[in-house]
Amino acid sequence: MLFNIELTFKPYIMKPYLHTLCVMLILIGISYSNSAEAQTIAITETNPSELLCSGQPIEVSYNLNGTFNAGNVFQIQLSDKTGSFTAPTSIGSYTWSGVAAAQNLTTTCVIPTNIAAGTGYRIRIVSTSPAITGANTFKQFIISNRCG
């Protein structure tokens, strides 16, 4: 006995599944793009004691993890005297000329001469490409205008 099997493709049956397939592919693409190594900036060391003077240079060492683009600017920022970064003061910057991945950097900065004296100052680093805000220092600094 001979059997004849006829297969027919009916596109209207596939339409509901196409939507589901597209959504699945989009979700896979999003999860893949988010699986890249996250960029982080961590301050590893600052050279001063707990007392800083306005106009004083300060070295800030930091570690980069992940990839930062050429032309990225790492900006070292000083909080206000209460430790808030609502309106940070830029005290130094470093422009990266290549692609950075897992680097240790040190930037020499200067405490502004017109900064208010206070006891709760902190430092953080932000980058521009990609835009990342690093964690601020846990150590608080005292800034005085009456040094030396």
N, C-alpha and C. Protein backbone atom coordinates (compact mmCIF):
# COMPACT_ATOMS: atom_id res chain seq x y z
N MET A 1 0.83 -1.16 0.00
CA MET A 1 0.00 0.00 0.00
C MET A 1 0.89 1.24 0.00
N LEU A 2 0.56 2.15 -0.79
CA LEU A 2 1.32 3.37 -0.98
C LEU A 2 0.59 4.54 -0.34
N PHE A 3 1.33 5.32 0.44
CA PHE A 3 0.73 6.48 1.11
C PHE A 3 1.18 7.75 0.42
N ASN A 4 0.32 8.65 0.31
CA ASN A 4 0.62 9.96 -0.26
C ASN A 4 0.39 11.00 0.82
N ILE A 5 1.47 11.66 1.22
CA ILE A 5 1.36 12.67 2.27
C ILE A 5 1.59 14.03 1.63
N GLU A 6 0.69 14.92 1.88
CA GLU A 6 0.81 16.26 1.32
C GLU A 6 1.01 17.24 2.47
N LEU A 7 2.08 18.00 2.42
CA LEU A 7 2.35 19.03 3.42
C LEU A 7 2.04 20.38 2.82
N THR A 8 1.28 21.15 3.54
CA THR A 8 0.90 22.47 3.05
C THR A 8 1.33 23.50 4.08
N PHE A 9 2.02 24.54 3.64
CA PHE A 9 2.45 25.63 4.50
C PHE A 9 1.37 26.69 4.47
N LYS A 10 0.86 27.02 5.62
CA LYS A 10 -0.20 28.02 5.69
C LYS A 10 0.34 29.22 6.49
N PRO A 11 0.71 30.31 5.81
CA PRO A 11 1.32 31.45 6.49
C PRO A 11 0.46 32.06 7.58
N TYR A 12 -0.86 32.00 7.42
CA TYR A 12 -1.72 32.63 8.42
C TYR A 12 -1.63 31.92 9.77
N ILE A 13 -1.20 30.66 9.77
CA ILE A 13 -1.03 29.93 11.02
C ILE A 13 0.23 30.42 11.74
N MET A 14 1.24 30.86 11.02
CA MET A 14 2.51 31.29 11.61
C MET A 14 2.47 32.71 12.17
N LYS A 15 1.52 33.52 11.77
CA LYS A 15 1.50 34.93 12.20
C LYS A 15 1.54 35.10 13.71
N PRO A 16 0.74 34.41 14.51
CA PRO A 16 0.84 34.61 15.96
C PRO A 16 2.20 34.23 16.51
N TYR A 17 2.84 33.26 15.92
CA TYR A 17 4.15 32.81 16.41
C TYR A 17 5.26 33.77 16.00
N LEU A 18 5.08 34.49 14.91
CA LEU A 18 6.09 35.45 14.48
C LEU A 18 6.26 36.55 15.52
N HIS A 19 5.18 37.03 16.08
CA HIS A 19 5.24 38.05 17.11
C HIS A 19 6.04 37.53 18.31
N THR A 20 5.72 36.33 18.74
CA THR A 20 6.42 35.73 19.87
C THR A 20 7.90 35.54 19.56
N LEU A 21 8.21 35.08 18.35
CA LEU A 21 9.59 34.90 17.94
C LEU A 21 10.35 36.23 17.95
N CYS A 22 9.73 37.28 17.44
CA CYS A 22 10.38 38.59 17.42
C CYS A 22 10.65 39.09 18.85
N VAL A 23 9.69 38.93 19.74
CA VAL A 23 9.87 39.37 21.12
C VAL A 23 11.01 38.58 21.76
N MET A 24 11.07 37.29 21.52
CA MET A 24 12.14 36.48 22.09
C MET A 24 13.51 36.92 21.57
N LEU A 25 13.61 37.19 20.28
CA LEU A 25 14.89 37.63 19.72
C LEU A 25 15.31 38.98 20.28
N ILE A 26 14.36 39.87 20.49
CA ILE A 26 14.68 41.18 21.07
C ILE A 26 15.19 41.00 22.50
N LEU A 27 14.52 40.16 23.28
CA LEU A 27 14.94 39.93 24.67
C LEU A 27 16.32 39.29 24.73
N ILE A 28 16.59 38.38 23.83
CA ILE A 28 17.91 37.76 23.78
C ILE A 28 18.97 38.81 23.45
N GLY A 29 18.67 39.69 22.50
CA GLY A 29 19.60 40.75 22.14
C GLY A 29 19.86 41.70 23.28
N ILE A 30 18.81 42.06 24.04
CA ILE A 30 18.98 42.97 25.17
C ILE A 30 19.82 42.31 26.25
N SER A 31 19.54 41.07 26.57
CA SER A 31 20.31 40.41 27.62
C SER A 31 21.76 40.21 27.20
N TYR A 32 22.00 39.98 25.91
CA TYR A 32 23.38 39.84 25.43
C TYR A 32 24.12 41.17 25.54
N SER A 33 23.47 42.27 25.15
CA SER A 33 24.14 43.56 25.19
C SER A 33 24.39 44.00 26.63
N ASN A 34 23.57 43.57 27.58
CA ASN A 34 23.78 43.92 28.98
C ASN A 34 24.75 42.99 29.68
N SER A 35 25.19 41.94 28.99
CA SER A 35 26.09 41.00 29.64
C SER A 35 27.55 41.41 29.52
N ALA A 36 27.84 42.50 28.80
CA ALA A 36 29.22 42.97 28.69
C ALA A 36 29.71 43.42 30.07
N GLU A 37 31.00 43.42 30.24
CA GLU A 37 31.58 43.80 31.53
C GLU A 37 31.20 45.23 31.87
N ALA A 38 30.70 45.43 33.06
CA ALA A 38 30.31 46.76 33.51
C ALA A 38 31.54 47.60 33.80
N GLN A 39 31.47 48.87 33.47
CA GLN A 39 32.57 49.78 33.76
C GLN A 39 32.44 50.27 35.20
N THR A 40 33.55 50.30 35.89
CA THR A 40 33.57 50.85 37.25
C THR A 40 34.81 51.71 37.42
N ILE A 41 34.68 52.68 38.32
CA ILE A 41 35.80 53.54 38.70
C ILE A 41 35.86 53.50 40.22
N ALA A 42 37.00 53.09 40.74
CA ALA A 42 37.15 52.99 42.19
C ALA A 42 38.39 53.76 42.64
N ILE A 43 38.20 54.67 43.56
CA ILE A 43 39.34 55.40 44.14
C ILE A 43 40.09 54.42 45.02
N THR A 44 41.39 54.30 44.78
CA THR A 44 42.18 53.35 45.56
C THR A 44 43.01 54.03 46.64
N GLU A 45 43.34 55.32 46.42
CA GLU A 45 44.18 56.00 47.40
C GLU A 45 44.15 57.50 47.16
N THR A 46 44.19 58.25 48.24
CA THR A 46 44.43 59.69 48.17
C THR A 46 45.59 59.96 49.12
N ASN A 47 46.44 60.90 48.77
CA ASN A 47 47.68 61.07 49.53
C ASN A 47 47.61 61.95 50.77
N PRO A 48 46.59 62.76 50.96
CA PRO A 48 46.70 63.66 52.10
C PRO A 48 46.29 63.01 53.41
N SER A 49 46.64 63.72 54.46
CA SER A 49 46.12 63.33 55.77
C SER A 49 44.66 63.78 55.78
N GLU A 50 44.06 63.79 56.92
CA GLU A 50 42.67 64.21 56.99
C GLU A 50 42.51 65.72 56.86
N LEU A 51 43.61 66.46 56.93
CA LEU A 51 43.55 67.92 56.83
C LEU A 51 44.14 68.37 55.50
N LEU A 52 43.36 69.11 54.74
CA LEU A 52 43.82 69.69 53.47
C LEU A 52 43.72 71.20 53.58
N CYS A 53 44.54 71.86 52.80
CA CYS A 53 44.51 73.32 52.76
C CYS A 53 44.07 73.77 51.38
N SER A 54 43.34 74.88 51.32
CA SER A 54 42.96 75.42 50.02
C SER A 54 44.22 75.76 49.25
N GLY A 55 44.23 75.43 47.97
CA GLY A 55 45.41 75.64 47.12
C GLY A 55 46.39 74.49 47.14
N GLN A 56 46.17 73.49 47.98
CA GLN A 56 47.10 72.36 48.13
C GLN A 56 46.88 71.33 47.02
N PRO A 57 47.98 70.79 46.46
CA PRO A 57 47.83 69.69 45.49
C PRO A 57 47.49 68.38 46.23
N ILE A 58 46.77 67.52 45.54
CA ILE A 58 46.38 66.23 46.10
C ILE A 58 46.46 65.19 44.98
N GLU A 59 47.05 64.05 45.26
CA GLU A 59 47.09 62.97 44.27
C GLU A 59 45.96 61.99 44.54
N VAL A 60 45.22 61.67 43.48
CA VAL A 60 44.10 60.73 43.60
C VAL A 60 44.41 59.55 42.68
N SER A 61 44.50 58.36 43.26
CA SER A 61 44.74 57.14 42.49
C SER A 61 43.43 56.38 42.37
N TYR A 62 43.20 55.81 41.19
CA TYR A 62 41.95 55.11 40.95
C TYR A 62 42.16 53.96 39.99
N ASN A 63 41.25 53.01 40.09
CA ASN A 63 41.29 51.80 39.28
C ASN A 63 40.09 51.79 38.35
N LEU A 64 40.36 51.47 37.08
CA LEU A 64 39.30 51.36 36.08
C LEU A 64 39.07 49.90 35.75
N ASN A 65 37.84 49.50 35.68
CA ASN A 65 37.48 48.17 35.21
C ASN A 65 36.47 48.32 34.09
N GLY A 66 36.61 47.50 33.07
CA GLY A 66 35.75 47.62 31.90
C GLY A 66 36.44 48.48 30.86
N THR A 67 35.73 48.78 29.79
CA THR A 67 36.30 49.53 28.67
C THR A 67 35.76 50.94 28.64
N PHE A 68 36.66 51.90 28.55
CA PHE A 68 36.31 53.31 28.41
C PHE A 68 36.82 53.77 27.05
N ASN A 69 36.06 54.60 26.38
CA ASN A 69 36.36 55.00 25.00
C ASN A 69 37.47 56.04 24.91
N ALA A 70 38.11 56.08 23.75
CA ALA A 70 39.11 57.11 23.48
C ALA A 70 38.44 58.48 23.59
N GLY A 71 39.14 59.44 24.17
CA GLY A 71 38.58 60.77 24.36
C GLY A 71 37.79 60.92 25.65
N ASN A 72 37.62 59.82 26.38
CA ASN A 72 36.91 59.88 27.65
C ASN A 72 37.66 60.81 28.61
N VAL A 73 36.92 61.59 29.37
CA VAL A 73 37.52 62.46 30.37
C VAL A 73 37.11 61.95 31.75
N PHE A 74 38.12 61.65 32.57
CA PHE A 74 37.88 61.30 33.96
C PHE A 74 37.98 62.59 34.76
N GLN A 75 36.90 62.99 35.39
CA GLN A 75 36.87 64.23 36.16
C GLN A 75 36.87 63.89 37.65
N ILE A 76 37.82 64.47 38.37
CA ILE A 76 37.89 64.28 39.81
C ILE A 76 37.10 65.42 40.43
N GLN A 77 36.12 65.06 41.26
CA GLN A 77 35.22 66.05 41.82
C GLN A 77 35.29 66.06 43.34
N LEU A 78 35.12 67.25 43.89
CA LEU A 78 35.10 67.46 45.33
C LEU A 78 33.67 67.80 45.73
N SER A 79 33.20 67.17 46.81
CA SER A 79 31.85 67.45 47.30
C SER A 79 31.84 68.82 47.99
N ASP A 80 30.67 69.19 48.50
CA ASP A 80 30.63 70.38 49.36
C ASP A 80 31.07 69.95 50.77
N LYS A 81 31.08 70.89 51.70
CA LYS A 81 31.62 70.61 53.03
C LYS A 81 30.78 69.63 53.85
N THR A 82 29.58 69.29 53.35
CA THR A 82 28.74 68.30 54.05
C THR A 82 28.85 66.91 53.41
N GLY A 83 29.65 66.79 52.33
CA GLY A 83 29.80 65.50 51.65
C GLY A 83 28.83 65.30 50.51
N SER A 84 28.03 66.31 50.17
CA SER A 84 27.04 66.20 49.10
C SER A 84 27.66 66.53 47.74
N PHE A 85 27.26 65.75 46.73
CA PHE A 85 27.73 66.00 45.36
C PHE A 85 26.64 66.64 44.51
N THR A 86 25.71 67.35 45.14
CA THR A 86 24.65 68.02 44.39
C THR A 86 25.24 69.04 43.42
N ALA A 87 26.25 69.77 43.85
CA ALA A 87 26.94 70.75 43.00
C ALA A 87 28.45 70.55 43.20
N PRO A 88 29.02 69.48 42.61
CA PRO A 88 30.44 69.18 42.84
C PRO A 88 31.37 70.21 42.21
N THR A 89 32.57 70.31 42.78
CA THR A 89 33.62 71.18 42.25
C THR A 89 34.67 70.30 41.58
N SER A 90 34.98 70.59 40.33
CA SER A 90 36.02 69.84 39.62
C SER A 90 37.37 70.30 40.12
N ILE A 91 38.20 69.33 40.54
CA ILE A 91 39.53 69.70 41.05
C ILE A 91 40.65 69.13 40.17
N GLY A 92 40.29 68.37 39.14
CA GLY A 92 41.28 67.83 38.23
C GLY A 92 40.61 66.93 37.20
N SER A 93 41.34 66.61 36.14
CA SER A 93 40.80 65.72 35.11
C SER A 93 41.94 65.05 34.36
N TYR A 94 41.57 63.97 33.69
CA TYR A 94 42.52 63.23 32.87
C TYR A 94 41.79 62.78 31.62
N THR A 95 42.33 63.10 30.45
CA THR A 95 41.72 62.70 29.18
C THR A 95 42.44 61.47 28.66
N TRP A 96 41.68 60.42 28.44
CA TRP A 96 42.23 59.15 27.97
C TRP A 96 42.35 59.20 26.45
N SER A 97 43.51 58.83 25.92
CA SER A 97 43.73 58.91 24.48
C SER A 97 43.49 57.59 23.75
N GLY A 98 43.35 56.52 24.49
CA GLY A 98 43.12 55.22 23.85
C GLY A 98 41.94 54.53 24.48
N VAL A 99 41.86 53.25 24.31
CA VAL A 99 40.79 52.47 24.93
C VAL A 99 41.34 51.90 26.23
N ALA A 100 40.70 52.23 27.33
CA ALA A 100 41.17 51.80 28.64
C ALA A 100 40.40 50.57 29.10
N ALA A 101 41.12 49.60 29.58
CA ALA A 101 40.50 48.43 30.20
C ALA A 101 41.37 48.00 31.36
N ALA A 102 40.82 47.98 32.55
CA ALA A 102 41.53 47.56 33.77
C ALA A 102 42.86 48.29 33.93
N GLN A 103 42.78 49.55 34.19
CA GLN A 103 43.96 50.40 34.34
C GLN A 103 44.01 50.99 35.75
N ASN A 104 45.20 51.31 36.20
CA ASN A 104 45.39 52.07 37.43
C ASN A 104 45.96 53.42 37.04
N LEU A 105 45.32 54.49 37.47
CA LEU A 105 45.75 55.84 37.11
C LEU A 105 45.90 56.69 38.36
N THR A 106 46.73 57.72 38.27
CA THR A 106 46.87 58.72 39.33
C THR A 106 46.79 60.09 38.68
N THR A 107 45.97 60.95 39.24
CA THR A 107 45.82 62.31 38.73
C THR A 107 46.13 63.29 39.86
N THR A 108 46.97 64.27 39.58
CA THR A 108 47.27 65.32 40.55
C THR A 108 46.22 66.42 40.40
N CYS A 109 45.58 66.76 41.48
CA CYS A 109 44.52 67.76 41.50
C CYS A 109 44.92 68.88 42.45
N VAL A 110 44.13 69.95 42.46
CA VAL A 110 44.41 71.06 43.37
C VAL A 110 43.11 71.46 44.06
N ILE A 111 43.18 71.60 45.39
CA ILE A 111 42.03 72.09 46.15
C ILE A 111 41.89 73.58 45.83
N PRO A 112 40.72 74.03 45.37
CA PRO A 112 40.56 75.45 45.00
C PRO A 112 40.83 76.39 46.18
N THR A 113 41.36 77.56 45.87
CA THR A 113 41.67 78.54 46.93
C THR A 113 40.42 79.21 47.48
N ASN A 114 39.34 79.19 46.72
CA ASN A 114 38.11 79.85 47.17
C ASN A 114 37.12 78.88 47.81
N ILE A 115 37.58 77.70 48.20
CA ILE A 115 36.69 76.69 48.77
C ILE A 115 36.40 77.02 50.24
N ALA A 116 35.19 76.77 50.67
CA ALA A 116 34.81 77.03 52.06
C ALA A 116 35.44 76.00 52.99
N ALA A 117 35.85 76.44 54.15
CA ALA A 117 36.39 75.51 55.15
C ALA A 117 35.27 74.58 55.62
N GLY A 118 35.62 73.32 55.90
CA GLY A 118 34.61 72.37 56.35
C GLY A 118 35.22 71.04 56.73
N THR A 119 34.41 70.17 57.30
CA THR A 119 34.92 68.90 57.84
C THR A 119 34.39 67.65 57.14
N GLY A 120 33.51 67.78 56.16
CA GLY A 120 32.90 66.59 55.58
C GLY A 120 33.15 66.39 54.10
N TYR A 121 34.23 66.93 53.58
CA TYR A 121 34.51 66.82 52.14
C TYR A 121 34.81 65.38 51.72
N ARG A 122 34.37 65.04 50.51
CA ARG A 122 34.64 63.73 49.90
C ARG A 122 35.06 63.95 48.45
N ILE A 123 35.63 62.92 47.85
CA ILE A 123 36.08 62.97 46.46
C ILE A 123 35.43 61.83 45.69
N ARG A 124 35.10 62.07 44.43
CA ARG A 124 34.62 61.02 43.53
C ARG A 124 35.16 61.29 42.14
N ILE A 125 35.02 60.29 41.26
CA ILE A 125 35.47 60.42 39.88
C ILE A 125 34.32 60.06 38.96
N VAL A 126 34.12 60.88 37.93
CA VAL A 126 33.11 60.59 36.91
C VAL A 126 33.81 60.52 35.56
N SER A 127 33.22 59.76 34.64
CA SER A 127 33.77 59.67 33.29
C SER A 127 32.71 60.14 32.30
N THR A 128 33.18 60.48 31.09
CA THR A 128 32.26 61.02 30.09
C THR A 128 31.88 60.02 29.00
N SER A 129 32.72 59.00 28.72
CA SER A 129 32.43 58.10 27.61
C SER A 129 32.92 56.69 27.92
N PRO A 130 32.08 55.86 28.49
CA PRO A 130 30.67 56.11 28.81
C PRO A 130 30.54 56.93 30.09
N ALA A 131 29.34 57.48 30.28
CA ALA A 131 29.08 58.30 31.45
C ALA A 131 28.91 57.39 32.67
N ILE A 132 29.90 57.41 33.54
CA ILE A 132 29.91 56.57 34.75
C ILE A 132 30.24 57.47 35.93
N THR A 133 29.56 57.27 37.04
CA THR A 133 29.89 57.96 38.28
C THR A 133 30.46 56.93 39.25
N GLY A 134 31.70 57.12 39.63
CA GLY A 134 32.34 56.22 40.57
C GLY A 134 31.87 56.50 41.99
N ALA A 135 32.09 55.53 42.87
CA ALA A 135 31.74 55.71 44.28
C ALA A 135 32.63 56.79 44.89
N ASN A 136 32.07 57.54 45.83
CA ASN A 136 32.89 58.56 46.48
C ASN A 136 33.73 57.94 47.58
N THR A 137 34.71 58.71 48.05
CA THR A 137 35.58 58.21 49.11
C THR A 137 34.78 58.07 50.39
N PHE A 138 35.09 57.03 51.13
CA PHE A 138 34.44 56.86 52.42
C PHE A 138 35.09 57.78 53.45
N LYS A 139 36.35 58.07 53.23
CA LYS A 139 37.11 58.93 54.13
C LYS A 139 36.69 60.38 53.91
N GLN A 140 36.38 61.07 54.98
CA GLN A 140 36.05 62.48 54.88
C GLN A 140 37.30 63.31 55.14
N PHE A 141 37.37 64.46 54.48
CA PHE A 141 38.51 65.35 54.61
C PHE A 141 38.09 66.65 55.26
N ILE A 142 39.03 67.24 55.95
CA ILE A 142 38.84 68.58 56.53
C ILE A 142 39.61 69.53 55.61
N ILE A 143 38.96 70.60 55.19
CA ILE A 143 39.64 71.63 54.40
C ILE A 143 39.67 72.91 55.21
N SER A 144 40.86 73.47 55.31
CA SER A 144 41.03 74.70 56.09
C SER A 144 41.57 75.79 55.17
N ASN A 145 41.18 77.01 55.45
CA ASN A 145 41.72 78.17 54.72
C ASN A 145 42.83 78.84 55.49
N ARG A 146 43.19 78.29 56.65
CA ARG A 146 44.20 78.91 57.53
C ARG A 146 45.39 77.96 57.70
N CYS A 147 45.98 77.58 56.62
CA CYS A 147 47.14 76.69 56.69
C CYS A 147 48.41 77.50 56.47
N GLY A 148 49.48 76.99 57.03
CA GLY A 148 50.81 77.48 56.76
C GLY A 148 51.06 78.85 57.20
